[in-house]
């Protein structure tokens, strides 16, 4: 996986907008599946509650993970909510 992440803080520095772009290589170990490389995209928003505490919501799309001769394909997506504590 090759990934680039860009963070853009808002003027008040309480919100941070993020985006991810990259390339995802999947080596699948399913019957009749093939290896593939696809585009990885992601967006997110972070909220700084105070000096030590932050909250982040992110969505990532890994693209199609497998191709099979039967026409079935699996997609990889992730929606995450995380709490960050810094000391």
C-alpha atoms as a PDB file:
ATOM      1  CA  UNK A   1       0.000   0.000   0.000  1.00  0.00           C
ATOM      2  CA  UNK A   2       1.272   3.443  -0.926  1.00  0.00           C
ATOM      3  CA  UNK A   3      -0.581   6.250   0.806  1.00  0.00           C
ATOM      4  CA  UNK A   4      -0.420  10.039   0.928  1.00  0.00           C
ATOM      5  CA  UNK A   5      -2.308  11.960   3.584  1.00  0.00           C
ATOM      6  CA  UNK A   6      -3.053  15.685   3.534  1.00  0.00           C
ATOM      7  CA  UNK A   7      -4.356  17.564   6.586  1.00  0.00           C
ATOM      8  CA  UNK A   8      -5.888  21.022   6.318  1.00  0.00           C
ATOM      9  CA  UNK A   9      -6.601  22.817   9.636  1.00  0.00           C
ATOM     10  CA  UNK A  10      -9.401  25.378   9.717  1.00  0.00           C
ATOM     11  CA  UNK A  11      -8.609  28.961  10.824  1.00  0.00           C
ATOM     12  CA  UNK A  12      -9.655  28.352  14.456  1.00  0.00           C
ATOM     13  CA  UNK A  13      -7.580  25.129  14.490  1.00  0.00           C
ATOM     14  CA  UNK A  14     -10.396  23.173  16.169  1.00  0.00           C
ATOM     15  CA  UNK A  15     -11.365  21.303  12.990  1.00  0.00           C
ATOM     16  CA  UNK A  16      -8.969  19.474  10.688  1.00  0.00           C
ATOM     17  CA  UNK A  17     -10.042  18.175   7.280  1.00  0.00           C
ATOM     18  CA  UNK A  18      -8.063  15.221   5.915  1.00  0.00           C
ATOM     19  CA  UNK A  19      -7.858  13.367   2.642  1.00  0.00           C
ATOM     20  CA  UNK A  20      -6.016  10.207   1.650  1.00  0.00           C
ATOM     21  CA  UNK A  21      -4.938   9.159  -1.828  1.00  0.00           C
ATOM     22  CA  UNK A  22      -2.961   6.120  -2.739  1.00  0.00           C
ATOM     23  CA  UNK A  23      -2.639   2.725  -4.287  1.00  0.00           C
ATOM     24  CA  UNK A  24      -3.665  -0.555  -2.676  1.00  0.00           C
ATOM     25  CA  UNK A  25      -2.284  -3.961  -3.703  1.00  0.00           C
ATOM     26  CA  UNK A  26      -4.306  -6.964  -2.553  1.00  0.00           C
ATOM     27  CA  UNK A  27      -3.070 -10.522  -2.674  1.00  0.00           C
ATOM     28  CA  UNK A  28      -6.277 -12.495  -2.204  1.00  0.00           C
ATOM     29  CA  UNK A  29      -6.299 -16.080  -0.978  1.00  0.00           C
ATOM     30  CA  UNK A  30      -9.815 -17.046  -2.031  1.00  0.00           C
ATOM     31  CA  UNK A  31     -10.798 -19.731  -4.520  1.00  0.00           C
ATOM     32  CA  UNK A  32     -10.811 -18.437  -8.124  1.00  0.00           C
ATOM     33  CA  UNK A  33      -9.660 -14.940  -7.122  1.00  0.00           C
ATOM     34  CA  UNK A  34      -6.889 -12.819  -8.583  1.00  0.00           C
ATOM     35  CA  UNK A  35      -4.437 -10.311  -7.188  1.00  0.00           C
ATOM     36  CA  UNK A  36      -5.159  -6.708  -8.040  1.00  0.00           C
ATOM     37  CA  UNK A  37      -4.072  -3.130  -7.521  1.00  0.00           C
ATOM     38  CA  UNK A  38      -6.681  -0.396  -7.076  1.00  0.00           C
ATOM     39  CA  UNK A  39      -7.010   3.227  -6.060  1.00  0.00           C
ATOM     40  CA  UNK A  40      -7.361   4.044  -2.359  1.00  0.00           C
ATOM     41  CA  UNK A  41      -9.384   7.135  -1.401  1.00  0.00           C
ATOM     42  CA  UNK A  42     -10.319   8.544   1.983  1.00  0.00           C
ATOM     43  CA  UNK A  43     -11.757  11.616   3.646  1.00  0.00           C
ATOM     44  CA  UNK A  44     -12.066  12.619   7.264  1.00  0.00           C
ATOM     45  CA  UNK A  45     -12.679  15.336   9.783  1.00  0.00           C
ATOM     46  CA  UNK A  46     -11.015  15.802  13.150  1.00  0.00           C
ATOM     47  CA  UNK A  47     -12.219  17.875  16.092  1.00  0.00           C
ATOM     48  CA  UNK A  48      -9.810  19.120  18.763  1.00  0.00           C
ATOM     49  CA  UNK A  49     -11.779  19.260  22.038  1.00  0.00           C
ATOM     50  CA  UNK A  50      -8.934  20.614  24.151  1.00  0.00           C
ATOM     51  CA  UNK A  51      -5.137  20.494  24.319  1.00  0.00           C
ATOM     52  CA  UNK A  52      -5.041  16.760  25.060  1.00  0.00           C
ATOM     53  CA  UNK A  53      -8.225  15.314  23.582  1.00  0.00           C
ATOM     54  CA  UNK A  54      -9.398  14.953  19.984  1.00  0.00           C
ATOM     55  CA  UNK A  55     -12.042  13.087  17.995  1.00  0.00           C
ATOM     56  CA  UNK A  56     -11.699  11.908  14.384  1.00  0.00           C
ATOM     57  CA  UNK A  57     -14.195  10.478  11.863  1.00  0.00           C
ATOM     58  CA  UNK A  58     -12.751   8.907   8.690  1.00  0.00           C
ATOM     59  CA  UNK A  59     -14.036   7.036   5.631  1.00  0.00           C
ATOM     60  CA  UNK A  60     -11.736   4.951   3.422  1.00  0.00           C
ATOM     61  CA  UNK A  61     -12.510   3.157   0.162  1.00  0.00           C
ATOM     62  CA  UNK A  62      -9.927   0.520  -0.809  1.00  0.00           C
ATOM     63  CA  UNK A  63     -11.617  -0.254  -4.141  1.00  0.00           C
ATOM     64  CA  UNK A  64     -12.288  -3.758  -5.408  1.00  0.00           C
ATOM     65  CA  UNK A  65     -10.274  -6.316  -3.498  1.00  0.00           C
ATOM     66  CA  UNK A  66     -10.897  -9.412  -5.616  1.00  0.00           C
ATOM     67  CA  UNK A  67     -12.069 -10.424  -9.045  1.00  0.00           C
ATOM     68  CA  UNK A  68     -13.388 -13.883  -9.728  1.00  0.00           C
ATOM     69  CA  UNK A  69     -14.421 -15.562 -12.959  1.00  0.00           C
ATOM     70  CA  UNK A  70     -17.989 -15.892 -11.652  1.00  0.00           C
ATOM     71  CA  UNK A  71     -18.325 -12.083 -11.672  1.00  0.00           C
ATOM     72  CA  UNK A  72     -18.356 -11.663  -7.904  1.00  0.00           C
ATOM     73  CA  UNK A  73     -16.058  -9.028  -6.482  1.00  0.00           C
ATOM     74  CA  UNK A  74     -15.490  -7.810  -2.951  1.00  0.00           C
ATOM     75  CA  UNK A  75     -15.019  -4.141  -2.092  1.00  0.00           C
ATOM     76  CA  UNK A  76     -13.116  -2.856   0.906  1.00  0.00           C
ATOM     77  CA  UNK A  77     -14.518   0.100   2.808  1.00  0.00           C
ATOM     78  CA  UNK A  78     -13.879   1.405   6.305  1.00  0.00           C
ATOM     79  CA  UNK A  79     -15.698   3.948   8.456  1.00  0.00           C
ATOM     80  CA  UNK A  80     -13.892   4.761  11.659  1.00  0.00           C
ATOM     81  CA  UNK A  81     -14.444   6.938  14.706  1.00  0.00           C
ATOM     82  CA  UNK A  82     -11.463   7.381  16.997  1.00  0.00           C
ATOM     83  CA  UNK A  83     -10.709   9.216  20.207  1.00  0.00           C
ATOM     84  CA  UNK A  84      -7.159  10.518  20.602  1.00  0.00           C
ATOM     85  CA  UNK A  85      -5.477  11.401  23.873  1.00  0.00           C
ATOM     86  CA  UNK A  86      -2.095  13.129  23.848  1.00  0.00           C
ATOM     87  CA  UNK A  87      -0.053  13.775  26.964  1.00  0.00           C
END
